[in-house]
């Protein structure tokens, strides 16, 4: 029996990390149309680092938080 079976999904600890911010920047750089609601969730979770990335790619509006 293999006890090292990976668990699907990404742990909360790994989501709230530089890796998560790198994913956000990759999405922003790809010029994907990300909704304001989703961008606001990034800001809520990651705070100023996410806000700064969103501003860098000119996707920030004052109502995002």
N, C-alpha and C. Protein backbone atom coordinates (compact mmCIF):
# COMPACT_ATOMS: atom_id res chain seq x y z
N UNK A 1 0.85 -1.18 0.00
CA UNK A 1 0.00 0.00 0.00
C UNK A 1 0.89 1.24 0.00
N UNK A 2 0.60 2.18 -0.87
CA UNK A 2 1.39 3.39 -1.01
C UNK A 2 0.78 4.50 -0.14
N UNK A 3 1.50 4.91 0.90
CA UNK A 3 1.02 5.96 1.78
C UNK A 3 1.42 7.35 1.29
N UNK A 4 2.12 7.43 0.17
CA UNK A 4 2.58 8.71 -0.36
C UNK A 4 1.73 9.19 -1.53
N UNK A 5 0.48 8.81 -1.55
CA UNK A 5 -0.41 9.23 -2.62
C UNK A 5 -0.67 10.72 -2.47
N UNK A 6 -0.42 11.50 -3.52
CA UNK A 6 -0.66 12.95 -3.41
C UNK A 6 -2.14 13.27 -3.25
N UNK A 7 -2.41 14.28 -2.49
CA UNK A 7 -3.77 14.73 -2.27
C UNK A 7 -4.09 15.80 -3.32
N UNK A 8 -5.22 15.69 -3.99
CA UNK A 8 -5.55 16.68 -5.01
C UNK A 8 -5.71 18.08 -4.42
N UNK A 9 -5.52 19.06 -5.26
CA UNK A 9 -5.68 20.44 -4.84
C UNK A 9 -4.39 21.02 -4.29
N UNK A 10 -4.45 22.27 -3.93
CA UNK A 10 -3.31 22.98 -3.40
C UNK A 10 -3.62 23.39 -1.97
N UNK A 11 -2.71 23.11 -1.07
CA UNK A 11 -2.96 23.44 0.33
C UNK A 11 -3.04 24.94 0.52
N UNK A 12 -3.74 25.37 1.53
CA UNK A 12 -3.88 26.80 1.82
C UNK A 12 -2.52 27.43 2.02
N UNK A 13 -1.63 26.75 2.71
CA UNK A 13 -0.28 27.29 2.95
C UNK A 13 0.43 27.58 1.63
N UNK A 14 0.31 26.70 0.67
CA UNK A 14 0.97 26.90 -0.61
C UNK A 14 0.27 27.95 -1.48
N UNK A 15 -1.02 28.13 -1.28
CA UNK A 15 -1.73 29.16 -2.05
C UNK A 15 -1.31 30.54 -1.59
N UNK A 16 -1.14 30.71 -0.29
CA UNK A 16 -0.79 32.01 0.26
C UNK A 16 0.72 32.08 0.35
N UNK A 17 1.33 32.26 -0.79
CA UNK A 17 2.78 32.25 -0.86
C UNK A 17 3.22 33.00 -2.10
N UNK A 18 4.53 33.09 -2.27
CA UNK A 18 5.06 33.71 -3.49
C UNK A 18 4.59 32.96 -4.73
N UNK A 19 4.38 31.66 -4.60
CA UNK A 19 3.92 30.87 -5.74
C UNK A 19 2.56 31.37 -6.23
N UNK A 20 1.69 31.70 -5.31
CA UNK A 20 0.38 32.22 -5.67
C UNK A 20 0.49 33.55 -6.39
N UNK A 21 1.36 34.42 -5.90
CA UNK A 21 1.55 35.72 -6.55
C UNK A 21 2.18 35.55 -7.93
N UNK A 22 3.02 34.55 -8.09
CA UNK A 22 3.60 34.27 -9.40
C UNK A 22 2.52 33.82 -10.38
N UNK A 23 1.57 33.02 -9.88
CA UNK A 23 0.45 32.59 -10.73
C UNK A 23 -0.39 33.80 -11.16
N UNK A 24 -0.64 34.71 -10.21
CA UNK A 24 -1.41 35.90 -10.53
C UNK A 24 -0.68 36.71 -11.60
N UNK A 25 0.61 36.91 -11.42
CA UNK A 25 1.35 37.71 -12.40
C UNK A 25 1.34 37.04 -13.77
N UNK A 26 1.45 35.73 -13.81
CA UNK A 26 1.42 35.02 -15.08
C UNK A 26 0.07 35.23 -15.78
N UNK A 27 -1.01 35.18 -15.01
CA UNK A 27 -2.33 35.40 -15.59
C UNK A 27 -2.47 36.83 -16.10
N UNK A 28 -1.99 37.79 -15.31
CA UNK A 28 -2.07 39.20 -15.72
C UNK A 28 -1.23 39.45 -16.97
N UNK A 29 -0.03 38.87 -17.01
CA UNK A 29 0.87 39.05 -18.15
C UNK A 29 0.30 38.41 -19.41
N UNK A 30 -0.51 37.37 -19.26
CA UNK A 30 -1.12 36.69 -20.41
C UNK A 30 -2.26 37.50 -21.00
N UNK A 31 -2.56 38.62 -20.36
CA UNK A 31 -3.62 39.50 -20.82
C UNK A 31 -4.97 38.80 -20.83
N UNK A 32 -5.16 37.89 -19.87
CA UNK A 32 -6.45 37.24 -19.72
C UNK A 32 -7.45 38.24 -19.17
N UNK A 33 -8.67 38.10 -19.54
CA UNK A 33 -9.72 38.97 -19.01
C UNK A 33 -10.17 38.40 -17.66
N UNK A 34 -9.60 38.93 -16.58
CA UNK A 34 -9.94 38.48 -15.23
C UNK A 34 -10.95 39.46 -14.66
N UNK A 35 -12.04 38.93 -14.14
CA UNK A 35 -13.10 39.81 -13.63
C UNK A 35 -12.62 40.60 -12.42
N UNK A 36 -13.26 41.76 -12.22
CA UNK A 36 -12.93 42.59 -11.07
C UNK A 36 -13.19 41.87 -9.76
N UNK A 37 -14.20 41.02 -9.73
CA UNK A 37 -14.53 40.27 -8.51
C UNK A 37 -13.38 39.32 -8.16
N UNK A 38 -12.85 38.64 -9.16
CA UNK A 38 -11.74 37.71 -8.94
C UNK A 38 -10.49 38.47 -8.51
N UNK A 39 -10.20 39.59 -9.15
CA UNK A 39 -9.04 40.39 -8.76
C UNK A 39 -9.19 40.90 -7.33
N UNK A 40 -10.41 41.27 -6.94
CA UNK A 40 -10.65 41.71 -5.56
C UNK A 40 -10.39 40.57 -4.57
N UNK A 41 -10.71 39.34 -4.97
CA UNK A 41 -10.43 38.18 -4.10
C UNK A 41 -8.93 37.99 -3.93
N UNK A 42 -8.16 38.19 -5.00
CA UNK A 42 -6.70 38.12 -4.89
C UNK A 42 -6.20 39.14 -3.88
N UNK A 43 -6.73 40.37 -3.97
CA UNK A 43 -6.31 41.43 -3.05
C UNK A 43 -6.69 41.08 -1.62
N UNK A 44 -7.89 40.54 -1.44
CA UNK A 44 -8.33 40.17 -0.09
C UNK A 44 -7.40 39.11 0.50
N UNK A 45 -6.99 38.15 -0.31
CA UNK A 45 -6.16 37.05 0.17
C UNK A 45 -4.69 37.46 0.36
N UNK A 46 -4.15 38.23 -0.59
CA UNK A 46 -2.71 38.52 -0.60
C UNK A 46 -2.35 39.94 -0.20
N UNK A 47 -3.34 40.84 -0.15
CA UNK A 47 -3.09 42.20 0.28
C UNK A 47 -2.31 43.04 -0.71
N UNK A 48 -1.43 43.90 -0.17
CA UNK A 48 -0.70 44.86 -1.00
C UNK A 48 0.14 44.24 -2.11
N UNK A 49 0.80 43.10 -1.89
CA UNK A 49 1.56 42.52 -3.02
C UNK A 49 0.68 42.23 -4.24
N UNK A 50 -0.52 41.72 -4.02
CA UNK A 50 -1.44 41.46 -5.14
C UNK A 50 -1.93 42.78 -5.74
N UNK A 51 -2.27 43.74 -4.87
CA UNK A 51 -2.74 45.04 -5.35
C UNK A 51 -1.68 45.69 -6.24
N UNK A 52 -0.43 45.61 -5.82
CA UNK A 52 0.65 46.21 -6.60
C UNK A 52 0.82 45.54 -7.97
N UNK A 53 0.68 44.22 -8.00
CA UNK A 53 0.76 43.50 -9.29
C UNK A 53 -0.39 43.91 -10.20
N UNK A 54 -1.57 43.98 -9.63
CA UNK A 54 -2.75 44.34 -10.43
C UNK A 54 -2.60 45.76 -10.97
N UNK A 55 -2.06 46.66 -10.16
CA UNK A 55 -1.80 48.03 -10.63
C UNK A 55 -0.74 48.04 -11.72
N UNK A 56 0.29 47.21 -11.55
CA UNK A 56 1.38 47.13 -12.54
C UNK A 56 0.83 46.82 -13.93
N UNK A 57 -0.20 45.98 -13.99
CA UNK A 57 -0.78 45.59 -15.27
C UNK A 57 -2.03 46.41 -15.61
N UNK A 58 -2.20 47.55 -14.92
CA UNK A 58 -3.27 48.50 -15.20
C UNK A 58 -4.66 47.87 -15.16
N UNK A 59 -4.88 46.97 -14.20
CA UNK A 59 -6.18 46.31 -14.06
C UNK A 59 -6.88 46.72 -12.77
N UNK A 60 -6.29 47.62 -12.02
CA UNK A 60 -6.82 47.98 -10.71
C UNK A 60 -7.85 49.10 -10.82
N UNK A 61 -8.92 48.95 -10.07
CA UNK A 61 -9.88 50.03 -9.89
C UNK A 61 -10.12 50.20 -8.39
N UNK A 62 -10.47 51.39 -7.97
CA UNK A 62 -10.60 51.71 -6.55
C UNK A 62 -11.61 50.88 -5.80
N UNK A 63 -12.57 50.30 -6.49
CA UNK A 63 -13.61 49.53 -5.78
C UNK A 63 -13.20 48.08 -5.52
N UNK A 64 -11.96 47.72 -5.84
CA UNK A 64 -11.49 46.33 -5.61
C UNK A 64 -11.06 46.10 -4.16
N UNK A 65 -10.79 47.17 -3.45
CA UNK A 65 -10.37 46.99 -2.07
C UNK A 65 -8.96 47.38 -1.80
